PDB file of all heavy atoms in Angstrom:
ATOM      1  N   GLY A   1      10.900   0.937  -9.204  1.00  0.00           N
ATOM      2  CA  GLY A   1      11.069   2.248  -8.609  1.00  0.00           C
ATOM      3  C   GLY A   1       9.811   2.739  -7.934  1.00  0.00           C
ATOM      4  O   GLY A   1       8.701   2.325  -8.257  1.00  0.00           O
ATOM      5  N   ASP A   2      10.011   3.612  -6.967  1.00  0.00           N
ATOM      6  CA  ASP A   2       8.911   4.319  -6.319  1.00  0.00           C
ATOM      7  C   ASP A   2       9.422   5.700  -5.932  1.00  0.00           C
ATOM      8  O   ASP A   2      10.497   6.112  -6.374  1.00  0.00           O
ATOM      9  CB  ASP A   2       8.352   3.537  -5.129  1.00  0.00           C
ATOM     10  CG  ASP A   2       9.336   3.360  -3.983  1.00  0.00           C
ATOM     11  OD1 ASP A   2      10.412   3.995  -3.993  1.00  0.00           O
ATOM     12  OD2 ASP A   2       9.027   2.606  -3.051  1.00  0.00           O
ATOM     13  N   ALA A   3       8.682   6.402  -5.106  1.00  0.00           N
ATOM     14  CA  ALA A   3       9.058   7.760  -4.723  1.00  0.00           C
ATOM     15  C   ALA A   3      10.378   7.806  -3.958  1.00  0.00           C
ATOM     16  O   ALA A   3      11.036   8.843  -3.907  1.00  0.00           O
ATOM     17  CB  ALA A   3       7.948   8.394  -3.894  1.00  0.00           C
ATOM     18  N   ASP A   4      10.777   6.686  -3.370  1.00  0.00           N
ATOM     19  CA  ASP A   4      12.011   6.645  -2.576  1.00  0.00           C
ATOM     20  C   ASP A   4      13.250   6.318  -3.397  1.00  0.00           C
ATOM     21  O   ASP A   4      14.364   6.503  -2.932  1.00  0.00           O
ATOM     22  CB  ASP A   4      11.883   5.625  -1.442  1.00  0.00           C
ATOM     23  CG  ASP A   4      10.842   6.050  -0.422  1.00  0.00           C
ATOM     24  OD1 ASP A   4      10.754   7.256  -0.140  1.00  0.00           O
ATOM     25  OD2 ASP A   4      10.116   5.178   0.083  1.00  0.00           O
ATOM     26  N   GLY A   5      13.081   5.765  -4.580  1.00  0.00           N
ATOM     27  CA  GLY A   5      14.251   5.433  -5.395  1.00  0.00           C
ATOM     28  C   GLY A   5      13.994   4.287  -6.339  1.00  0.00           C
ATOM     29  O   GLY A   5      12.860   3.873  -6.554  1.00  0.00           O
ATOM     30  N   VAL A   6      15.084   3.766  -6.883  1.00  0.00           N
ATOM     31  CA  VAL A   6      15.034   2.696  -7.882  1.00  0.00           C
ATOM     32  C   VAL A   6      16.006   1.598  -7.473  1.00  0.00           C
ATOM     33  O   VAL A   6      17.085   1.879  -6.959  1.00  0.00           O
ATOM     34  CB  VAL A   6      15.428   3.234  -9.282  1.00  0.00           C
ATOM     35  CG1 VAL A   6      15.443   2.122 -10.314  1.00  0.00           C
ATOM     36  CG2 VAL A   6      14.494   4.355  -9.713  1.00  0.00           C
ATOM     37  N   VAL A   7      15.599   0.354  -7.688  1.00  0.00           N
ATOM     38  CA  VAL A   7      16.479  -0.781  -7.431  1.00  0.00           C
ATOM     39  C   VAL A   7      16.609  -1.573  -8.726  1.00  0.00           C
ATOM     40  O   VAL A   7      15.662  -1.678  -9.497  1.00  0.00           O
ATOM     41  CB  VAL A   7      15.953  -1.669  -6.279  1.00  0.00           C
ATOM     42  CG1 VAL A   7      14.630  -2.311  -6.634  1.00  0.00           C
ATOM     43  CG2 VAL A   7      16.957  -2.727  -5.896  1.00  0.00           C
ATOM     44  N   VAL A   8      17.810  -2.095  -8.952  1.00  0.00           N
ATOM     45  CA  VAL A   8      18.071  -2.930 -10.119  1.00  0.00           C
ATOM     46  C   VAL A   8      18.230  -4.365  -9.629  1.00  0.00           C
ATOM     47  O   VAL A   8      19.063  -4.643  -8.769  1.00  0.00           O
ATOM     48  CB  VAL A   8      19.356  -2.491 -10.856  1.00  0.00           C
ATOM     49  CG1 VAL A   8      19.621  -3.405 -12.049  1.00  0.00           C
ATOM     50  CG2 VAL A   8      19.261  -1.041 -11.291  1.00  0.00           C
ATOM     51  N   VAL A   9      17.406  -5.263 -10.172  1.00  0.00           N
ATOM     52  CA  VAL A   9      17.498  -6.681  -9.823  1.00  0.00           C
ATOM     53  C   VAL A   9      18.109  -7.393 -11.023  1.00  0.00           C
ATOM     54  O   VAL A   9      17.495  -7.441 -12.090  1.00  0.00           O
ATOM     55  CB  VAL A   9      16.115  -7.276  -9.496  1.00  0.00           C
ATOM     56  CG1 VAL A   9      16.245  -8.751  -9.122  1.00  0.00           C
ATOM     57  CG2 VAL A   9      15.432  -6.492  -8.390  1.00  0.00           C
ATOM     58  N   PRO A  10      19.313  -7.941 -10.863  1.00  0.00           N
ATOM     59  CA  PRO A  10      19.918  -8.667 -11.981  1.00  0.00           C
ATOM     60  C   PRO A  10      19.023  -9.837 -12.411  1.00  0.00           C
ATOM     61  O   PRO A  10      18.410 -10.509 -11.582  1.00  0.00           O
ATOM     62  CB  PRO A  10      21.237  -9.187 -11.406  1.00  0.00           C
ATOM     63  CG  PRO A  10      21.527  -8.291 -10.241  1.00  0.00           C
ATOM     64  CD  PRO A  10      20.178  -7.911  -9.686  1.00  0.00           C
ATOM     65  N   ARG A  11      18.958 -10.065 -13.696  1.00  0.00           N
ATOM     66  CA  ARG A  11      18.093 -11.100 -14.258  1.00  0.00           C
ATOM     67  C   ARG A  11      18.277 -12.452 -13.559  1.00  0.00           C
ATOM     68  O   ARG A  11      17.312 -13.148 -13.267  1.00  0.00           O
ATOM     69  CB  ARG A  11      18.399 -11.238 -15.747  1.00  0.00           C
ATOM     70  CG  ARG A  11      17.612 -12.300 -16.433  1.00  0.00           C
ATOM     71  CD  ARG A  11      18.033 -12.418 -17.876  1.00  0.00           C
ATOM     72  NE  ARG A  11      16.846 -12.625 -18.668  1.00  0.00           N
ATOM     73  CZ  ARG A  11      16.767 -12.440 -19.946  1.00  0.00           C
ATOM     74  NH1 ARG A  11      17.805 -12.008 -20.618  1.00  0.00           N
ATOM     75  NH2 ARG A  11      15.658 -12.677 -20.603  1.00  0.00           N
ATOM     76  N   ARG A  12      19.506 -12.816 -13.257  1.00  0.00           N
ATOM     77  CA  ARG A  12      19.778 -14.127 -12.662  1.00  0.00           C
ATOM     78  C   ARG A  12      19.250 -14.251 -11.234  1.00  0.00           C
ATOM     79  O   ARG A  12      19.189 -15.354 -10.693  1.00  0.00           O
ATOM     80  CB  ARG A  12      21.279 -14.425 -12.704  1.00  0.00           C
ATOM     81  CG  ARG A  12      22.105 -13.564 -11.770  1.00  0.00           C
ATOM     82  CD  ARG A  12      23.605 -13.824 -11.903  1.00  0.00           C
ATOM     83  NE  ARG A  12      24.357 -13.110 -10.910  1.00  0.00           N
ATOM     84  CZ  ARG A  12      24.579 -11.799 -10.888  1.00  0.00           C
ATOM     85  NH1 ARG A  12      24.094 -11.038 -11.849  1.00  0.00           N
ATOM     86  NH2 ARG A  12      25.276 -11.247  -9.923  1.00  0.00           N
ATOM     87  N   ARG A  13      18.870 -13.125 -10.598  1.00  0.00           N
ATOM     88  CA  ARG A  13      18.403 -13.164  -9.205  1.00  0.00           C
ATOM     89  C   ARG A  13      16.928 -12.832  -9.048  1.00  0.00           C
ATOM     90  O   ARG A  13      16.437 -12.757  -7.924  1.00  0.00           O
ATOM     91  CB  ARG A  13      19.236 -12.196  -8.371  1.00  0.00           C
ATOM     92  CG  ARG A  13      20.707 -12.616  -8.311  1.00  0.00           C
ATOM     93  CD  ARG A  13      21.475 -11.872  -7.265  1.00  0.00           C
ATOM     94  NE  ARG A  13      20.893 -12.102  -5.962  1.00  0.00           N
ATOM     95  CZ  ARG A  13      21.108 -11.298  -4.917  1.00  0.00           C
ATOM     96  NH1 ARG A  13      21.872 -10.248  -5.035  1.00  0.00           N
ATOM     97  NH2 ARG A  13      20.541 -11.554  -3.753  1.00  0.00           N
ATOM     98  N   VAL A  14      16.195 -12.665 -10.142  1.00  0.00           N
ATOM     99  CA  VAL A  14      14.797 -12.247 -10.057  1.00  0.00           C
ATOM    100  C   VAL A  14      13.966 -13.218  -9.225  1.00  0.00           C
ATOM    101  O   VAL A  14      13.221 -12.817  -8.336  1.00  0.00           O
ATOM    102  CB  VAL A  14      14.185 -12.047 -11.467  1.00  0.00           C
ATOM    103  CG1 VAL A  14      12.676 -11.882 -11.395  1.00  0.00           C
ATOM    104  CG2 VAL A  14      14.820 -10.843 -12.142  1.00  0.00           C
ATOM    105  N   THR A  15      14.082 -14.518  -9.490  1.00  0.00           N
ATOM    106  CA  THR A  15      13.290 -15.513  -8.753  1.00  0.00           C
ATOM    107  C   THR A  15      13.597 -15.458  -7.264  1.00  0.00           C
ATOM    108  O   THR A  15      12.681 -15.480  -6.428  1.00  0.00           O
ATOM    109  CB  THR A  15      13.570 -16.928  -9.304  1.00  0.00           C
ATOM    110  OG1 THR A  15      13.260 -16.934 -10.698  1.00  0.00           O
ATOM    111  CG2 THR A  15      12.739 -17.970  -8.603  1.00  0.00           C
ATOM    112  N   GLU A  16      14.865 -15.365  -6.916  1.00  0.00           N
ATOM    113  CA  GLU A  16      15.284 -15.284  -5.512  1.00  0.00           C
ATOM    114  C   GLU A  16      14.719 -14.031  -4.838  1.00  0.00           C
ATOM    115  O   GLU A  16      14.204 -14.089  -3.715  1.00  0.00           O
ATOM    116  CB  GLU A  16      16.815 -15.255  -5.470  1.00  0.00           C
ATOM    117  CG  GLU A  16      17.420 -14.929  -4.142  1.00  0.00           C
ATOM    118  CD  GLU A  16      18.920 -14.645  -4.254  1.00  0.00           C
ATOM    119  OE1 GLU A  16      19.530 -14.860  -5.324  1.00  0.00           O
ATOM    120  OE2 GLU A  16      19.468 -14.196  -3.244  1.00  0.00           O
ATOM    121  N   VAL A  17      14.788 -12.904  -5.521  1.00  0.00           N
ATOM    122  CA  VAL A  17      14.308 -11.644  -4.939  1.00  0.00           C
ATOM    123  C   VAL A  17      12.794 -11.658  -4.783  1.00  0.00           C
ATOM    124  O   VAL A  17      12.262 -11.222  -3.761  1.00  0.00           O
ATOM    125  CB  VAL A  17      14.787 -10.443  -5.777  1.00  0.00           C
ATOM    126  CG1 VAL A  17      14.128  -9.152  -5.328  1.00  0.00           C
ATOM    127  CG2 VAL A  17      16.307 -10.319  -5.702  1.00  0.00           C
ATOM    128  N   VAL A  18      12.074 -12.181  -5.768  1.00  0.00           N
ATOM    129  CA  VAL A  18      10.617 -12.273  -5.671  1.00  0.00           C
ATOM    130  C   VAL A  18      10.220 -13.134  -4.475  1.00  0.00           C
ATOM    131  O   VAL A  18       9.315 -12.780  -3.710  1.00  0.00           O
ATOM    132  CB  VAL A  18       9.996 -12.803  -6.982  1.00  0.00           C
ATOM    133  CG1 VAL A  18       8.529 -13.176  -6.787  1.00  0.00           C
ATOM    134  CG2 VAL A  18      10.143 -11.776  -8.085  1.00  0.00           C
ATOM    135  N   ALA A  19      10.896 -14.249  -4.273  1.00  0.00           N
ATOM    136  CA  ALA A  19      10.596 -15.119  -3.132  1.00  0.00           C
ATOM    137  C   ALA A  19      10.853 -14.392  -1.819  1.00  0.00           C
ATOM    138  O   ALA A  19      10.054 -14.486  -0.869  1.00  0.00           O
ATOM    139  CB  ALA A  19      11.426 -16.394  -3.201  1.00  0.00           C
ATOM    140  N   ALA A  20      11.932 -13.640  -1.737  1.00  0.00           N
ATOM    141  CA  ALA A  20      12.250 -12.889  -0.517  1.00  0.00           C
ATOM    142  C   ALA A  20      11.200 -11.808  -0.258  1.00  0.00           C
ATOM    143  O   ALA A  20      10.750 -11.626   0.877  1.00  0.00           O
ATOM    144  CB  ALA A  20      13.639 -12.273  -0.620  1.00  0.00           C
ATOM    145  N   VAL A  21      10.793 -11.116  -1.303  1.00  0.00           N
ATOM    146  CA  VAL A  21       9.781 -10.059  -1.145  1.00  0.00           C
ATOM    147  C   VAL A  21       8.452 -10.666  -0.725  1.00  0.00           C
ATOM    148  O   VAL A  21       7.754 -10.112   0.127  1.00  0.00           O
ATOM    149  CB  VAL A  21       9.641  -9.256  -2.459  1.00  0.00           C
ATOM    150  CG1 VAL A  21       8.425  -8.344  -2.428  1.00  0.00           C
ATOM    151  CG2 VAL A  21      10.900  -8.443  -2.706  1.00  0.00           C
ATOM    152  N   ASP A  22       8.085 -11.803  -1.292  1.00  0.00           N
ATOM    153  CA  ASP A  22       6.847 -12.475  -0.890  1.00  0.00           C
ATOM    154  C   ASP A  22       6.886 -12.841   0.591  1.00  0.00           C
ATOM    155  O   ASP A  22       5.898 -12.680   1.305  1.00  0.00           O
ATOM    156  CB  ASP A  22       6.603 -13.728  -1.737  1.00  0.00           C
ATOM    157  CG  ASP A  22       6.142 -13.405  -3.149  1.00  0.00           C
ATOM    158  OD1 ASP A  22       5.746 -12.246  -3.410  1.00  0.00           O
ATOM    159  OD2 ASP A  22       6.181 -14.316  -3.997  1.00  0.00           O
ATOM    160  N   GLY A  23       8.030 -13.326   1.068  1.00  0.00           N
ATOM    161  CA  GLY A  23       8.172 -13.665   2.481  1.00  0.00           C
ATOM    162  C   GLY A  23       8.022 -12.444   3.377  1.00  0.00           C
ATOM    163  O   GLY A  23       7.372 -12.504   4.430  1.00  0.00           O
ATOM    164  N   ILE A  24       8.598 -11.326   2.966  1.00  0.00           N
ATOM    165  CA  ILE A  24       8.465 -10.091   3.739  1.00  0.00           C
ATOM    166  C   ILE A  24       7.010  -9.635   3.760  1.00  0.00           C
ATOM    167  O   ILE A  24       6.485  -9.235   4.805  1.00  0.00           O
ATOM    168  CB  ILE A  24       9.381  -8.993   3.147  1.00  0.00           C
ATOM    169  CG1 ILE A  24      10.840  -9.363   3.378  1.00  0.00           C
ATOM    170  CG2 ILE A  24       9.062  -7.633   3.757  1.00  0.00           C
ATOM    171  CD1 ILE A  24      11.826  -8.510   2.602  1.00  0.00           C
ATOM    172  N   ALA A  25       6.334  -9.714   2.620  1.00  0.00           N
ATOM    173  CA  ALA A  25       4.929  -9.302   2.542  1.00  0.00           C
ATOM    174  C   ALA A  25       4.060 -10.159   3.463  1.00  0.00           C
ATOM    175  O   ALA A  25       3.159  -9.643   4.137  1.00  0.00           O
ATOM    176  CB  ALA A  25       4.432  -9.379   1.102  1.00  0.00           C
ATOM    177  N   GLU A  26       4.326 -11.459   3.523  1.00  0.00           N
ATOM    178  CA  GLU A  26       3.561 -12.342   4.414  1.00  0.00           C
ATOM    179  C   GLU A  26       3.763 -11.959   5.872  1.00  0.00           C
ATOM    180  O   GLU A  26       2.812 -11.917   6.651  1.00  0.00           O
ATOM    181  CB  GLU A  26       3.968 -13.796   4.185  1.00  0.00           C
ATOM    182  CG  GLU A  26       3.497 -14.360   2.862  1.00  0.00           C
ATOM    183  CD  GLU A  26       4.055 -15.740   2.574  1.00  0.00           C
ATOM    184  OE1 GLU A  26       4.739 -16.329   3.442  1.00  0.00           O
ATOM    185  OE2 GLU A  26       3.824 -16.240   1.454  1.00  0.00           O
ATOM    186  N   LYS A  27       5.008 -11.675   6.254  1.00  0.00           N
ATOM    187  CA  LYS A  27       5.283 -11.260   7.634  1.00  0.00           C
ATOM    188  C   LYS A  27       4.595  -9.944   7.965  1.00  0.00           C
ATOM    189  O   LYS A  27       4.040  -9.774   9.056  1.00  0.00           O
ATOM    190  CB  LYS A  27       6.789 -11.131   7.859  1.00  0.00           C
ATOM    191  CG  LYS A  27       7.521 -12.447   7.890  1.00  0.00           C
ATOM    192  CD  LYS A  27       9.012 -12.248   8.062  1.00  0.00           C
ATOM    193  CE  LYS A  27       9.761 -13.561   8.005  1.00  0.00           C
ATOM    194  NZ  LYS A  27      11.204 -13.385   8.132  1.00  0.00           N
ATOM    195  N   GLU A  28       4.611  -9.002   7.020  1.00  0.00           N
ATOM    196  CA  GLU A  28       3.962  -7.711   7.247  1.00  0.00           C
ATOM    197  C   GLU A  28       2.451  -7.876   7.358  1.00  0.00           C
ATOM    198  O   GLU A  28       1.815  -7.226   8.192  1.00  0.00           O
ATOM    199  CB  GLU A  28       4.312  -6.730   6.137  1.00  0.00           C
ATOM    200  CG  GLU A  28       5.742  -6.249   6.206  1.00  0.00           C
ATOM    201  CD  GLU A  28       6.114  -5.305   5.073  1.00  0.00           C
ATOM    202  OE1 GLU A  28       5.323  -5.154   4.108  1.00  0.00           O
ATOM    203  OE2 GLU A  28       7.204  -4.716   5.164  1.00  0.00           O
ATOM    204  N   ASP A  29       1.861  -8.740   6.542  1.00  0.00           N
ATOM    205  CA  ASP A  29       0.425  -8.996   6.621  1.00  0.00           C
ATOM    206  C   ASP A  29       0.050  -9.603   7.968  1.00  0.00           C
ATOM    207  O   ASP A  29      -0.957  -9.224   8.577  1.00  0.00           O
ATOM    208  CB  ASP A  29      -0.028  -9.922   5.493  1.00  0.00           C
ATOM    209  CG  ASP A  29      -0.046  -9.239   4.133  1.00  0.00           C
ATOM    210  OD1 ASP A  29      -0.003  -7.981   4.089  1.00  0.00           O
ATOM    211  OD2 ASP A  29      -0.092  -9.958   3.115  1.00  0.00           O
ATOM    212  N   ALA A  30       0.858 -10.544   8.446  1.00  0.00           N
ATOM    213  CA  ALA A  30       0.589 -11.160   9.749  1.00  0.00           C
ATOM    214  C   ALA A  30       0.693 -10.125  10.868  1.00  0.00           C
ATOM    215  O   ALA A  30      -0.151 -10.080  11.779  1.00  0.00           O
ATOM    216  CB  ALA A  30       1.560 -12.316  10.001  1.00  0.00           C
ATOM    217  N   LEU A  31       1.700  -9.285  10.813  1.00  0.00           N
ATOM    218  CA  LEU A  31       1.865  -8.239  11.827  1.00  0.00           C
ATOM    219  C   LEU A  31       0.698  -7.269  11.786  1.00  0.00           C
ATOM    220  O   LEU A  31       0.148  -6.890  12.821  1.00  0.00           O
ATOM    221  CB  LEU A  31       3.186  -7.498  11.610  1.00  0.00           C
ATOM    222  CG  LEU A  31       3.469  -6.335  12.541  1.00  0.00           C
ATOM    223  CD1 LEU A  31       3.492  -6.788  13.993  1.00  0.00           C
ATOM    224  CD2 LEU A  31       4.783  -5.665  12.170  1.00  0.00           C
ATOM    225  N   ARG A  32       0.299  -6.870  10.581  1.00  0.00           N
ATOM    226  CA  ARG A  32      -0.837  -5.965  10.429  1.00  0.00           C
ATOM    227  C   ARG A  32      -2.096  -6.585  11.036  1.00  0.00           C
ATOM    228  O   ARG A  32      -2.874  -5.910  11.715  1.00  0.00           O
ATOM    229  CB  ARG A  32      -1.051  -5.646   8.952  1.00  0.00           C
ATOM    230  CG  ARG A  32      -2.040  -4.557   8.685  1.00  0.00           C
ATOM    231  CD  ARG A  32      -2.112  -4.193   7.189  1.00  0.00           C
ATOM    232  NE  ARG A  32      -0.840  -3.654   6.713  1.00  0.00           N
ATOM    233  CZ  ARG A  32       0.007  -4.298   5.905  1.00  0.00           C
ATOM    234  NH1 ARG A  32      -0.280  -5.505   5.460  1.00  0.00           N
ATOM    235  NH2 ARG A  32       1.134  -3.737   5.515  1.00  0.00           N
ATOM    236  N   GLY A  33      -2.298  -7.872  10.812  1.00  0.00           N
ATOM    237  CA  GLY A  33      -3.455  -8.569  11.384  1.00  0.00           C
ATOM    238  C   GLY A  33      -3.425  -8.565  12.899  1.00  0.00           C
ATOM    239  O   GLY A  33      -4.455  -8.348  13.551  1.00  0.00           O
TER     240      GLY A  33
END
């Protein structure tokens, strides 16, 4: 959760979601650069 809301990640999808978030973070870092 953050100031915008809360998300529930089902236990069986945690690894998949973490990988997706890492990919988004890498793209954002490259764009910021």
